[in-house]
Amino acid sequence: MIHVLSVDDLSDDFLQSLWSEALSRKGKNGKNLKGKILTNLFYEPSTRTSSSFYSAMAKSGGQVIPINNVHFSSVAKGETLEDTIITMSNMSDAIVLRHSESGSAKRASQVSEVPIINGGDGNSEHPTQTIIDGFTIYNYLNRSLSNLRITMIGDLKNGRTVKSLV
């Protein structure tokens, strides 16, 4: 089973293949995920990451179980991350997890029966944002991230998107 937990898990060949496939499908709505269910499990607020996965699943024929406010879930009653992941992995084909604790995606992957996609964990990483940033560079500059010089601005100490891209 393949999890997307860290940018360190993503080889240049994998990214090139993914971006090439994305370009070939750009503007096309397929149904290759018909019958598949993705759980968006967000312990923190999200607009772009949550909506991007929701949109991609809808355009590909799949469905989403949106859990965008865990304060209204069993977490409010004390359910652990691991228990929530075990439950949701029995209902889903994959889980996108956004959590406030660094390392939470790795913890989730250790108990999940389905792939875990790290949608941001604490101030550690946000590999899906790196995939999107890399795709933008690949699409507009026609090159990979290897040996590329870029300038970063913002909260460089705590910004998980910056850490992932670097």
Foldseek 3Di string as FASTA:
>chain_A
DDAAQALVVADLVNLVVVLVVCVVCPPAQAQQCAPFEEEEAECDADDVLVVVVQVNQVSNNHHYHYDRHCCPPCVVVPDDLCNVQLVVLVVGQEYEYAEQAPPSQVVSVVRHPHYYYDCYYRLAAHQVLLSVVQSVCCVPVVDGLPPDDDDDDDDCPRHRHNNRND
